[in-house]
C-alpha atoms as a PDB file:
ATOM      1  CA  UNK A   1      40.478  27.088  -3.251  1.00  0.00           C
ATOM      2  CA  UNK A   2      37.261  27.276  -5.216  1.00  0.00           C
ATOM      3  CA  UNK A   3      37.247  27.203  -8.971  1.00  0.00           C
ATOM      4  CA  UNK A   4      35.328  29.968 -10.705  1.00  0.00           C
ATOM      5  CA  UNK A   5      34.133  31.385  -7.392  1.00  0.00           C
ATOM      6  CA  UNK A   6      31.402  28.748  -6.939  1.00  0.00           C
ATOM      7  CA  UNK A   7      30.511  27.374  -3.576  1.00  0.00           C
ATOM      8  CA  UNK A   8      30.382  23.627  -3.225  1.00  0.00           C
ATOM      9  CA  UNK A   9      27.055  22.576  -1.724  1.00  0.00           C
ATOM     10  CA  UNK A  10      26.960  19.780   0.784  1.00  0.00           C
ATOM     11  CA  UNK A  11      24.566  16.974  -0.035  1.00  0.00           C
ATOM     12  CA  UNK A  12      21.468  17.259   2.145  1.00  0.00           C
ATOM     13  CA  UNK A  13      19.551  13.951   2.311  1.00  0.00           C
ATOM     14  CA  UNK A  14      16.469  15.634   3.801  1.00  0.00           C
ATOM     15  CA  UNK A  15      16.372  18.053   0.884  1.00  0.00           C
ATOM     16  CA  UNK A  16      16.869  15.183  -1.581  1.00  0.00           C
ATOM     17  CA  UNK A  17      13.950  13.286  -0.019  1.00  0.00           C
ATOM     18  CA  UNK A  18      11.747  16.363  -0.246  1.00  0.00           C
ATOM     19  CA  UNK A  19      12.653  16.777  -3.925  1.00  0.00           C
ATOM     20  CA  UNK A  20      11.475  13.218  -4.628  1.00  0.00           C
ATOM     21  CA  UNK A  21       8.235  13.840  -2.718  1.00  0.00           C
ATOM     22  CA  UNK A  22       7.720  17.125  -4.618  1.00  0.00           C
ATOM     23  CA  UNK A  23       8.239  15.345  -7.939  1.00  0.00           C
ATOM     24  CA  UNK A  24       5.664  12.707  -6.999  1.00  0.00           C
ATOM     25  CA  UNK A  25       3.203  15.472  -6.087  1.00  0.00           C
ATOM     26  CA  UNK A  26       3.843  17.230  -9.418  1.00  0.00           C
ATOM     27  CA  UNK A  27       3.018  13.965 -11.178  1.00  0.00           C
ATOM     28  CA  UNK A  28      -0.364  13.978  -9.415  1.00  0.00           C
ATOM     29  CA  UNK A  29       0.479  11.103  -7.116  1.00  0.00           C
ATOM     30  CA  UNK A  30      -1.858  10.601  -4.160  1.00  0.00           C
ATOM     31  CA  UNK A  31       0.673  10.342  -1.344  1.00  0.00           C
ATOM     32  CA  UNK A  32      -1.982   9.205   1.131  1.00  0.00           C
ATOM     33  CA  UNK A  33      -2.125   5.785  -0.579  1.00  0.00           C
ATOM     34  CA  UNK A  34       0.459   3.033  -0.078  1.00  0.00           C
ATOM     35  CA  UNK A  35       2.791   2.464  -3.013  1.00  0.00           C
ATOM     36  CA  UNK A  36       5.857   0.445  -3.916  1.00  0.00           C
ATOM     37  CA  UNK A  37       8.923   2.169  -2.446  1.00  0.00           C
ATOM     38  CA  UNK A  38      12.464   0.971  -3.154  1.00  0.00           C
ATOM     39  CA  UNK A  39      15.569   1.739  -1.119  1.00  0.00           C
ATOM     40  CA  UNK A  40      19.177   1.320  -2.255  1.00  0.00           C
ATOM     41  CA  UNK A  41      21.930   0.247   0.137  1.00  0.00           C
ATOM     42  CA  UNK A  42      25.402  -0.414  -1.279  1.00  0.00           C
ATOM     43  CA  UNK A  43      28.020  -2.318   0.717  1.00  0.00           C
ATOM     44  CA  UNK A  44      31.504  -3.770   0.244  1.00  0.00           C
ATOM     45  CA  UNK A  45      30.850  -7.508   0.344  1.00  0.00           C
ATOM     46  CA  UNK A  46      28.173  -9.999  -0.568  1.00  0.00           C
ATOM     47  CA  UNK A  47      28.130 -11.216   3.045  1.00  0.00           C
ATOM     48  CA  UNK A  48      27.447  -7.664   4.267  1.00  0.00           C
ATOM     49  CA  UNK A  49      24.676  -7.283   1.682  1.00  0.00           C
ATOM     50  CA  UNK A  50      23.092 -10.539   2.873  1.00  0.00           C
ATOM     51  CA  UNK A  51      23.369  -9.509   6.530  1.00  0.00           C
ATOM     52  CA  UNK A  52      21.808  -6.098   5.826  1.00  0.00           C
ATOM     53  CA  UNK A  53      19.071  -7.772   3.778  1.00  0.00           C
ATOM     54  CA  UNK A  54      18.279 -10.087   6.692  1.00  0.00           C
ATOM     55  CA  UNK A  55      17.897  -7.099   9.018  1.00  0.00           C
ATOM     56  CA  UNK A  56      15.682  -5.338   6.484  1.00  0.00           C
ATOM     57  CA  UNK A  57      13.542  -8.449   6.058  1.00  0.00           C
ATOM     58  CA  UNK A  58      12.998  -8.455   9.825  1.00  0.00           C
ATOM     59  CA  UNK A  59      11.726  -4.859   9.458  1.00  0.00           C
ATOM     60  CA  UNK A  60       9.149  -5.911   6.863  1.00  0.00           C
ATOM     61  CA  UNK A  61      11.021  -5.188   3.632  1.00  0.00           C
ATOM     62  CA  UNK A  62      11.281  -7.530   0.665  1.00  0.00           C
ATOM     63  CA  UNK A  63      14.951  -7.725  -0.255  1.00  0.00           C
ATOM     64  CA  UNK A  64      17.238  -8.703  -3.094  1.00  0.00           C
ATOM     65  CA  UNK A  65      21.023  -8.968  -3.027  1.00  0.00           C
ATOM     66  CA  UNK A  66      22.879  -8.446  -6.281  1.00  0.00           C
ATOM     67  CA  UNK A  67      26.076  -6.981  -7.660  1.00  0.00           C
ATOM     68  CA  UNK A  68      25.797  -3.233  -8.194  1.00  0.00           C
ATOM     69  CA  UNK A  69      25.677  -1.729 -11.662  1.00  0.00           C
ATOM     70  CA  UNK A  70      29.126  -0.231 -10.935  1.00  0.00           C
ATOM     71  CA  UNK A  71      31.236  -3.284 -10.007  1.00  0.00           C
ATOM     72  CA  UNK A  72      34.466  -1.283  -9.759  1.00  0.00           C
ATOM     73  CA  UNK A  73      33.074   0.953  -7.035  1.00  0.00           C
ATOM     74  CA  UNK A  74      34.028   0.910  -3.360  1.00  0.00           C
ATOM     75  CA  UNK A  75      30.597  -0.610  -2.632  1.00  0.00           C
ATOM     76  CA  UNK A  76      30.051  -3.277  -5.303  1.00  0.00           C
ATOM     77  CA  UNK A  77      27.077  -5.047  -3.666  1.00  0.00           C
ATOM     78  CA  UNK A  78      23.468  -3.853  -3.552  1.00  0.00           C
ATOM     79  CA  UNK A  79      20.921  -4.738  -0.906  1.00  0.00           C
ATOM     80  CA  UNK A  80      17.725  -3.580  -2.605  1.00  0.00           C
ATOM     81  CA  UNK A  81      14.771  -3.290  -0.238  1.00  0.00           C
ATOM     82  CA  UNK A  82      11.157  -2.604  -1.115  1.00  0.00           C
ATOM     83  CA  UNK A  83       7.738  -2.518   0.461  1.00  0.00           C
ATOM     84  CA  UNK A  84       4.328  -1.004  -0.045  1.00  0.00           C
ATOM     85  CA  UNK A  85       4.014   2.033   2.174  1.00  0.00           C
ATOM     86  CA  UNK A  86       2.665   5.553   2.396  1.00  0.00           C
ATOM     87  CA  UNK A  87       5.565   7.818   1.458  1.00  0.00           C
ATOM     88  CA  UNK A  88       5.647  11.102   3.315  1.00  0.00           C
ATOM     89  CA  UNK A  89       8.247  13.166   5.148  1.00  0.00           C
ATOM     90  CA  UNK A  90       7.859  11.118   8.345  1.00  0.00           C
ATOM     91  CA  UNK A  91       7.982   7.619   6.820  1.00  0.00           C
ATOM     92  CA  UNK A  92      10.920   8.527   4.607  1.00  0.00           C
ATOM     93  CA  UNK A  93      12.800  10.105   7.544  1.00  0.00           C
ATOM     94  CA  UNK A  94      12.293   6.853   9.480  1.00  0.00           C
ATOM     95  CA  UNK A  95      13.572   4.826   6.509  1.00  0.00           C
ATOM     96  CA  UNK A  96      16.561   7.177   6.131  1.00  0.00           C
ATOM     97  CA  UNK A  97      17.497   6.564   9.769  1.00  0.00           C
ATOM     98  CA  UNK A  98      17.229   2.784   9.323  1.00  0.00           C
ATOM     99  CA  UNK A  99      19.200   2.675   6.082  1.00  0.00           C
ATOM    100  CA  UNK A 100      21.739   5.184   7.377  1.00  0.00           C
ATOM    101  CA  UNK A 101      22.354   3.024  10.441  1.00  0.00           C
ATOM    102  CA  UNK A 102      22.824  -0.037   8.232  1.00  0.00           C
ATOM    103  CA  UNK A 103      25.206   1.895   5.981  1.00  0.00           C
ATOM    104  CA  UNK A 104      27.241   2.827   9.054  1.00  0.00           C
ATOM    105  CA  UNK A 105      27.181  -0.723  10.439  1.00  0.00           C
ATOM    106  CA  UNK A 106      28.317  -2.305   7.170  1.00  0.00           C
ATOM    107  CA  UNK A 107      30.645   0.499   5.994  1.00  0.00           C
ATOM    108  CA  UNK A 108      28.284   1.095   3.105  1.00  0.00           C
ATOM    109  CA  UNK A 109      26.361   3.853   1.421  1.00  0.00           C
ATOM    110  CA  UNK A 110      22.625   4.547   1.478  1.00  0.00           C
ATOM    111  CA  UNK A 111      21.810   5.860  -1.989  1.00  0.00           C
ATOM    112  CA  UNK A 112      18.227   6.980  -1.485  1.00  0.00           C
ATOM    113  CA  UNK A 113      14.859   5.770  -2.603  1.00  0.00           C
ATOM    114  CA  UNK A 114      12.203   5.891  -5.290  1.00  0.00           C
ATOM    115  CA  UNK A 115       8.496   5.194  -5.337  1.00  0.00           C
ATOM    116  CA  UNK A 116       5.928   4.341  -7.951  1.00  0.00           C
ATOM    117  CA  UNK A 117       3.752   7.177  -9.173  1.00  0.00           C
ATOM    118  CA  UNK A 118       0.022   6.737  -9.812  1.00  0.00           C
END
């Protein structure tokens, strides 16, 4: 049963990625130039965060493992990954596949990305 007749929208990660890219464009960011991009992967244990970070390091990402800002959550550990890269629909789709696979492997959650504006 829906409250107030509103439909509940499913989260669409492709749409979310496009919104971030649109916001960068609106800020005048030259998306043809490499920039610092950060990706957020939350997992259940510190060991899982370290294992995911090792896999990401092998893919060319700089990584940090730290407790999440929400320690009472189901995924209290963050594997933060970053690298300089051109951010566009294709590169972000590739990253989404990688981080999604890691989230599945470690029973975690990929929480998206951000990139520096010019």
